[in-house]
Amino acid sequence: MKYKFYNTSEKAWQAMYESIQESKVFILLEMYIFLPDTSPKYDFIETLIKKAESGVKVAIIADKIGSQKMPTFVIKKLRKAGIEFLFASKLLRRTHRKILVVDNHTAFLGGVNIKRSTSKWNDLQIKITGKKSIKSISRTFAYSYKMYGGKKKEILDLYNKSKLTKVKNIILEHNPHENISTISTYYREKIIKAKETITIVTPYLLPPLWLAVLLDKAVRRGVKVNMLIPKKTDLWLINFINNSFVKKMSSLGIDIYYYGSMNHAKLMLIDDKELFMGSHNMDIASFKLNSEIGIFIQDKKAILEVKEIILKWQKDSIKIEAEKYKLNWFDFILMRFIAMFYSIL
């Protein structure tokens, strides 16, 4: 597998945009947030329309809530050009995935949405070339496509014809519709087996109880656990939640780094030897409710490259002093309320 990492939304857009322009057969796009406001520099809408009109098969899945500001006239314009535009809408079950597959040779996945206000965010997106990995990503897209009403046989066949295979770089997913949870299984197994270090980067910190317990046990057996989160996110309520859980996690002996601006990357690095990155946040929604996707990597060169990105982010961050972050009555009430809410889902 060949790969390339992008550490900002705009860098990822540039690469995605170029790949779309070069497409010859099909374009598969699944996005939590897909909005038409990144033009004129990255005019995804017009480029996708031109490709569809030239004979390229184009299918788009956008989350109904995340992409709720997508104008109706834009959707009609896409469909008029022959593009299948599907909204993912299943009660609380949402697609939080960020996937682009171009022909049979290139795919992107990670944390990057398509929305102008996110252009300067730090994030982590990977471009993948390699038949086995591309087939796995196409297959999981085709499953979502079928579930949300897709009709084109050529795309549906990508699910039927592609078989999941064990490769060194494994595509993992969380699909609550089918009770598939390879992402949570990965987290459990790798945290339990960690010997030296666990590094986690996440924009939103609302871990399920089992994850907090496993990290606590890792610290107790001598594993150094680091977390990097943004000081302020794009969501004011999440800032309160993040702050409360920062206090809780730091009380367990976990080193927390506050990044000055928005960092939307989602990853876990184990012992500097195994990397998992994708669309998931370190929160209950990603582990329980949302459809998510990520990739497990053991390639030494890839891990070194991501480690350098993390170290740069840490250098630009402030390590919090745990003794100054004590849980108060508001934190206890907030966390209890969150636990009660998610327990009934």
Protein backbone atom coordinates (compact mmCIF):
# COMPACT_ATOMS: atom_id res chain seq x y z
CA MET A 1 0.00 0.00 0.00
CA LYS A 2 1.20 3.47 -0.88
CA TYR A 3 0.02 6.38 1.21
CA LYS A 4 0.27 10.10 1.84
CA PHE A 5 -0.84 12.05 4.93
CA TYR A 6 -2.38 15.53 5.03
CA ASN A 7 -2.42 17.47 8.30
CA THR A 8 -4.89 20.25 7.44
CA SER A 9 -8.31 20.24 5.80
CA GLU A 10 -7.19 22.43 2.91
CA LYS A 11 -4.21 20.24 2.05
CA ALA A 12 -6.53 17.23 1.97
CA TRP A 13 -9.06 19.08 -0.19
CA GLN A 14 -6.38 19.91 -2.73
CA ALA A 15 -5.41 16.25 -3.09
CA MET A 16 -9.03 15.08 -3.15
CA TYR A 17 -9.96 17.70 -5.73
CA GLU A 18 -7.09 16.68 -8.01
CA SER A 19 -8.04 13.00 -7.74
CA ILE A 20 -11.67 13.77 -8.64
CA GLN A 21 -10.52 15.73 -11.68
CA GLU A 22 -8.48 12.73 -12.86
CA SER A 23 -11.29 10.16 -12.41
CA LYS A 24 -12.31 7.98 -15.34
CA VAL A 25 -14.73 5.32 -14.01
CA PHE A 26 -16.43 6.17 -10.70
CA ILE A 27 -16.38 8.55 -7.73
CA LEU A 28 -17.77 7.46 -4.36
CA LEU A 29 -18.09 10.17 -1.69
CA GLU A 30 -19.43 9.65 1.84
CA MET A 31 -19.26 12.68 4.12
CA TYR A 32 -20.60 13.70 7.49
CA ILE A 33 -20.46 17.36 6.38
CA PHE A 34 -20.60 18.12 2.67
CA LEU A 35 -21.43 21.73 1.78
CA PRO A 36 -20.96 23.73 -1.45
CA ASP A 37 -19.18 26.69 0.17
CA THR A 38 -15.55 25.73 -0.59
CA SER A 39 -15.65 27.23 -4.08
CA PRO A 40 -14.27 28.83 -6.12
CA LYS A 41 -10.88 27.33 -5.25
CA TYR A 42 -12.31 23.89 -4.48
CA ASP A 43 -15.55 23.75 -6.45
CA PHE A 44 -16.43 20.15 -5.68
CA ILE A 45 -20.03 20.55 -6.86
CA GLU A 46 -19.27 21.75 -10.38
CA THR A 47 -16.36 19.33 -10.77
CA LEU A 48 -18.53 16.37 -9.76
CA ILE A 49 -21.24 17.51 -12.15
CA LYS A 50 -18.78 17.78 -15.05
CA LYS A 51 -17.45 14.31 -14.28
CA ALA A 52 -20.95 12.83 -14.17
CA GLU A 53 -21.84 14.50 -17.46
CA SER A 54 -18.68 13.03 -19.03
CA GLY A 55 -19.80 9.50 -18.13
CA VAL A 56 -18.14 8.95 -14.74
CA LYS A 57 -20.49 7.23 -12.27
CA VAL A 58 -20.84 9.45 -9.19
CA ALA A 59 -22.56 8.58 -5.90
CA ILE A 60 -22.70 10.82 -2.82
CA ILE A 61 -23.85 9.96 0.69
CA ALA A 62 -24.16 12.91 3.09
CA ASP A 63 -25.28 12.79 6.69
CA LYS A 64 -28.72 14.36 7.05
CA ILE A 65 -27.78 16.31 10.18
CA GLY A 66 -24.16 17.15 9.42
CA SER A 67 -25.06 18.31 5.90
CA GLN A 68 -28.45 19.82 6.70
CA LYS A 69 -27.40 23.19 5.24
CA MET A 70 -26.89 21.69 1.78
CA PRO A 71 -29.25 23.78 -0.41
CA THR A 72 -32.09 21.92 -2.10
CA PHE A 73 -31.32 23.54 -5.45
CA VAL A 74 -27.75 22.16 -5.31
CA ILE A 75 -29.06 18.65 -4.65
CA LYS A 76 -31.43 18.98 -7.62
CA LYS A 77 -28.57 20.20 -9.78
CA LEU A 78 -26.44 17.19 -8.81
CA ARG A 79 -29.25 14.74 -9.48
CA LYS A 80 -30.08 16.37 -12.81
CA ALA A 81 -26.49 15.65 -13.89
CA GLY A 82 -27.02 11.94 -13.12
CA ILE A 83 -25.39 11.92 -9.68
CA GLU A 84 -27.03 9.83 -6.98
CA PHE A 85 -27.22 12.07 -3.91
CA LEU A 86 -28.40 10.21 -0.82
CA PHE A 87 -29.00 11.49 2.69
CA ALA A 88 -28.01 9.18 5.54
CA SER A 89 -30.85 9.47 8.04
CA LYS A 90 -31.65 6.70 10.52
CA LEU A 91 -32.91 8.27 13.75
CA LEU A 92 -29.84 8.71 15.98
CA ARG A 93 -27.72 6.49 13.73
CA ARG A 94 -25.60 8.83 11.64
CA THR A 95 -22.79 8.39 9.16
CA HIS A 96 -19.79 10.18 10.60
CA ARG A 97 -17.45 8.76 7.97
CA LYS A 98 -15.31 10.76 5.54
CA ILE A 99 -14.60 8.60 2.48
CA LEU A 100 -13.62 9.36 -1.09
CA VAL A 101 -12.92 6.53 -3.54
CA VAL A 102 -11.79 7.33 -7.08
CA ASP A 103 -11.85 4.53 -9.65
CA ASN A 104 -10.08 1.39 -8.46
CA HIS A 105 -6.82 3.01 -7.46
CA THR A 106 -7.21 5.85 -4.95
CA ALA A 107 -9.06 6.40 -1.67
CA PHE A 108 -9.08 8.99 1.10
CA LEU A 109 -10.28 8.64 4.67
CA GLY A 110 -9.78 10.41 7.98
CA GLY A 111 -11.33 13.35 9.79
CA VAL A 112 -11.69 15.91 7.01
CA ASN A 113 -15.15 17.28 6.17
CA ILE A 114 -15.95 19.55 3.23
CA LYS A 115 -17.01 22.90 4.71
CA ARG A 116 -15.35 26.31 4.30
CA SER A 117 -15.12 27.13 8.03
CA THR A 118 -12.94 24.03 8.56
CA SER A 119 -10.35 24.93 5.90
CA LYS A 120 -7.62 26.03 8.34
CA TRP A 121 -8.19 23.30 10.89
CA ASN A 122 -5.46 20.84 11.71
CA ASP A 123 -6.70 17.38 10.86
CA LEU A 124 -5.41 14.04 9.61
CA GLN A 125 -6.39 12.52 6.28
CA ILE A 126 -4.71 9.66 4.45
CA LYS A 127 -4.56 9.04 0.71
CA ILE A 128 -4.28 5.33 -0.08
CA THR A 129 -3.36 3.50 -3.23
CA GLY A 130 -3.36 -0.29 -3.23
CA LYS A 131 -5.94 -2.76 -4.53
CA LYS A 132 -6.72 -4.63 -1.31
CA SER A 133 -7.29 -1.54 0.81
CA ILE A 134 -9.26 0.20 -1.96
CA LYS A 135 -11.53 -2.83 -2.33
CA SER A 136 -12.24 -2.85 1.41
CA ILE A 137 -13.16 0.85 1.40
CA SER A 138 -15.30 0.48 -1.74
CA ARG A 139 -17.05 -2.46 -0.15
CA THR A 140 -17.96 -0.58 3.02
CA PHE A 141 -19.15 2.40 0.95
CA ALA A 142 -21.33 0.08 -1.14
CA TYR A 143 -22.94 -1.26 2.03
CA SER A 144 -23.89 2.26 3.16
CA TYR A 145 -25.03 3.02 -0.36
CA LYS A 146 -27.41 0.06 -0.34
CA MET A 147 -28.69 0.85 3.16
CA TYR A 148 -29.56 4.43 2.22
CA GLY A 149 -31.35 3.54 -1.00
CA GLY A 150 -28.69 3.42 -3.72
CA LYS A 151 -29.85 1.75 -6.93
CA LYS A 152 -26.92 1.49 -9.34
CA LYS A 153 -25.99 -2.16 -9.82
CA GLU A 154 -22.34 -1.33 -10.59
CA ILE A 155 -21.92 0.20 -7.12
CA LEU A 156 -23.98 -2.43 -5.31
CA ASP A 157 -21.76 -5.07 -6.91
CA LEU A 158 -18.73 -3.56 -5.18
CA TYR A 159 -20.11 -5.00 -1.94
CA ASN A 160 -20.97 -8.40 -3.38
CA LYS A 161 -17.74 -8.90 -5.34
CA SER A 162 -15.27 -7.61 -2.75
CA LYS A 163 -14.27 -9.90 0.06
CA LEU A 164 -12.72 -8.68 3.26
CA THR A 165 -9.12 -9.86 3.43
CA LYS A 166 -6.51 -9.70 6.14
CA VAL A 167 -3.75 -7.33 5.14
CA LYS A 168 -1.00 -5.55 6.99
CA ASN A 169 -3.01 -2.32 6.84
CA ILE A 170 -6.57 -3.16 7.89
CA ILE A 171 -9.70 -1.11 7.31
CA LEU A 172 -11.79 -1.09 10.49
CA GLU A 173 -15.30 0.19 10.96
CA HIS A 174 -18.13 0.73 13.38
CA ASN A 175 -21.56 0.02 11.93
CA PRO A 176 -24.34 0.09 14.54
CA HIS A 177 -26.92 -1.08 11.97
CA GLU A 178 -25.23 -4.48 11.74
CA ASN A 179 -23.73 -4.51 15.24
CA ILE A 180 -20.25 -4.40 13.71
CA SER A 181 -17.73 -2.80 16.06
CA THR A 182 -14.20 -3.61 14.93
CA ILE A 183 -13.04 -0.14 16.06
CA SER A 184 -13.99 -0.65 19.72
CA THR A 185 -12.54 -4.17 19.57
CA TYR A 186 -9.27 -2.71 18.29
CA TYR A 187 -9.15 -0.11 21.08
CA ARG A 188 -9.78 -2.71 23.76
CA GLU A 189 -7.15 -5.13 22.45
CA LYS A 190 -4.43 -2.58 21.76
CA ILE A 191 -4.78 -0.62 25.01
CA ILE A 192 -4.66 -3.85 27.00
CA LYS A 193 -1.49 -4.96 25.16
CA ALA A 194 0.28 -1.57 25.25
CA LYS A 195 3.66 -1.77 26.99
CA GLU A 196 5.23 1.69 26.88
CA THR A 197 3.13 4.50 25.40
CA ILE A 198 -0.37 5.35 24.25
CA THR A 199 -0.87 8.63 22.38
CA ILE A 200 -4.39 9.80 21.60
CA VAL A 201 -5.42 12.82 19.54
CA THR A 202 -9.10 13.78 19.50
CA PRO A 203 -11.12 16.98 19.17
CA TYR A 204 -13.98 15.80 21.39
CA LEU A 205 -13.38 13.99 24.67
CA LEU A 206 -16.34 12.04 26.01
CA PRO A 207 -15.00 8.50 26.42
CA PRO A 208 -17.24 5.55 27.29
CA LEU A 209 -16.65 4.12 30.76
CA TRP A 210 -14.87 0.99 29.48
CA LEU A 211 -12.31 3.11 27.64
CA ALA A 212 -11.58 5.30 30.67
CA VAL A 213 -11.15 2.16 32.78
CA LEU A 214 -8.71 0.59 30.31
CA LEU A 215 -6.62 3.77 30.15
CA ASP A 216 -6.59 3.96 33.94
CA LYS A 217 -5.32 0.36 34.12
CA ALA A 218 -2.67 1.14 31.50
CA VAL A 219 -1.34 4.04 33.59
CA ARG A 220 -1.31 1.84 36.71
CA ARG A 221 0.86 -0.78 35.00
CA GLY A 222 3.38 1.88 33.94
CA VAL A 223 2.26 2.84 30.43
CA LYS A 224 2.69 6.55 29.64
CA VAL A 225 -0.62 7.85 28.26
CA ASN A 226 -0.76 11.18 26.41
CA MET A 227 -3.78 13.00 25.01
CA LEU A 228 -3.88 16.04 22.76
CA ILE A 229 -7.14 17.98 22.40
CA PRO A 230 -7.98 21.54 21.30
CA LYS A 231 -8.35 24.16 24.01
CA LYS A 232 -11.47 25.40 22.22
CA THR A 233 -13.53 23.48 19.69
CA ASP A 234 -16.12 24.65 17.19
CA LEU A 235 -18.94 23.70 19.60
CA TRP A 236 -19.40 25.70 22.80
CA LEU A 237 -21.16 22.88 24.68
CA ILE A 238 -18.34 20.47 23.81
CA ASN A 239 -15.89 22.90 25.40
CA PHE A 240 -17.61 22.38 28.75
CA ILE A 241 -17.71 18.61 28.26
CA ASN A 242 -14.07 18.45 27.15
CA ASN A 243 -12.97 20.48 30.16
CA SER A 244 -14.82 18.20 32.59
CA PHE A 245 -13.34 15.05 31.10
CA VAL A 246 -9.87 16.62 30.93
CA LYS A 247 -10.10 17.02 34.70
CA LYS A 248 -11.24 13.41 35.08
CA MET A 249 -8.59 11.94 32.78
CA SER A 250 -5.75 14.02 34.24
CA SER A 251 -6.72 12.80 37.71
CA LEU A 252 -5.94 9.28 36.45
CA GLY A 253 -2.35 10.26 35.64
CA ILE A 254 -2.88 10.88 31.93
CA ASP A 255 -0.85 13.74 30.43
CA ILE A 256 -3.15 16.16 28.62
CA TYR A 257 -1.97 18.69 26.03
CA TYR A 258 -4.16 21.64 25.07
CA TYR A 259 -3.70 22.73 21.45
CA GLY A 260 -4.25 26.45 20.89
CA SER A 261 -6.45 26.26 17.77
CA MET A 262 -8.90 23.70 16.41
CA ASN A 263 -7.35 20.27 15.88
CA HIS A 264 -9.84 17.84 14.35
CA ALA A 265 -7.50 14.83 13.97
CA LYS A 266 -8.55 11.46 15.38
CA LEU A 267 -5.87 8.85 16.08
CA MET A 268 -4.30 6.47 18.56
CA LEU A 269 -0.62 5.47 18.48
CA ILE A 270 0.48 2.42 20.50
CA ASP A 271 4.13 2.00 21.56
CA ASP A 272 5.16 4.02 18.47
CA LYS A 273 4.55 0.81 16.50
CA GLU A 274 0.85 0.66 15.68
CA LEU A 275 -1.37 3.48 14.44
CA PHE A 276 -5.11 3.74 14.11
CA MET A 277 -6.60 6.83 12.47
CA GLY A 278 -9.97 7.58 10.97
CA SER A 279 -13.27 9.40 11.36
CA HIS A 280 -14.04 8.49 14.97
CA ASN A 281 -13.89 10.81 17.96
CA MET A 282 -12.98 9.75 21.47
CA ASP A 283 -16.62 9.89 22.46
CA ILE A 284 -19.60 7.68 23.14
CA ALA A 285 -21.33 8.60 19.87
CA SER A 286 -18.43 7.29 17.77
CA PHE A 287 -18.17 4.04 19.72
CA LYS A 288 -21.91 3.42 19.99
CA LEU A 289 -24.11 5.38 17.58
CA ASN A 290 -22.30 6.55 14.46
CA SER A 291 -21.06 4.72 11.38
CA GLU A 292 -17.27 5.22 11.41
CA ILE A 293 -14.25 4.04 9.46
CA GLY A 294 -10.51 4.00 10.04
CA ILE A 295 -7.29 2.26 9.11
CA PHE A 296 -4.85 0.26 11.24
CA ILE A 297 -1.23 0.76 10.16
CA GLN A 298 2.02 -0.94 11.21
CA ASP A 299 4.25 0.44 8.45
CA LYS A 300 7.32 1.97 10.14
CA LYS A 301 7.70 4.84 7.70
CA ALA A 302 4.05 5.82 8.00
CA ILE A 303 4.18 5.73 11.79
CA LEU A 304 7.33 7.85 11.87
CA GLU A 305 5.65 10.44 9.65
CA VAL A 306 2.56 10.63 11.86
CA LYS A 307 4.69 10.73 15.00
CA GLU A 308 6.50 13.79 13.63
CA ILE A 309 3.12 15.46 13.03
CA ILE A 310 2.05 14.70 16.60
CA LEU A 311 5.31 16.00 18.07
CA LYS A 312 4.89 19.26 16.16
CA TRP A 313 1.37 19.61 17.53
CA GLN A 314 2.61 18.88 21.05
CA LYS A 315 5.33 21.50 20.67
CA ASP A 316 2.63 24.04 19.88
CA SER A 317 0.50 22.90 22.83
CA ILE A 318 0.41 23.55 26.57
CA LYS A 319 0.66 20.60 28.94
CA ILE A 320 -1.92 21.10 31.66
CA GLU A 321 -1.00 20.98 35.34
CA ALA A 322 -3.23 18.29 36.79
CA GLU A 323 -3.24 19.81 40.28
CA LYS A 324 -4.92 22.93 38.88
CA TYR A 325 -7.70 20.94 37.21
CA LYS A 326 -9.94 19.57 39.94
CA LEU A 327 -13.46 18.23 39.39
CA ASN A 328 -16.19 20.45 40.85
CA TRP A 329 -19.90 19.95 41.42
CA PHE A 330 -20.77 21.09 37.88
CA ASP A 331 -18.40 18.53 36.36
CA PHE A 332 -19.92 15.70 38.41
CA ILE A 333 -23.46 16.71 37.42
CA LEU A 334 -22.54 17.08 33.76
CA MET A 335 -20.83 13.69 33.55
CA ARG A 336 -23.68 12.00 35.44
CA PHE A 337 -26.24 13.55 33.06
CA ILE A 338 -24.24 12.41 30.01
CA ALA A 339 -23.93 8.88 31.41
CA MET A 340 -27.68 8.69 32.06
CA PHE A 341 -28.51 9.98 28.56
CA TYR A 342 -26.30 7.47 26.75
CA SER A 343 -27.37 4.58 28.96
CA ILE A 344 -30.90 4.69 27.52
CA LEU A 345 -29.77 4.65 23.87
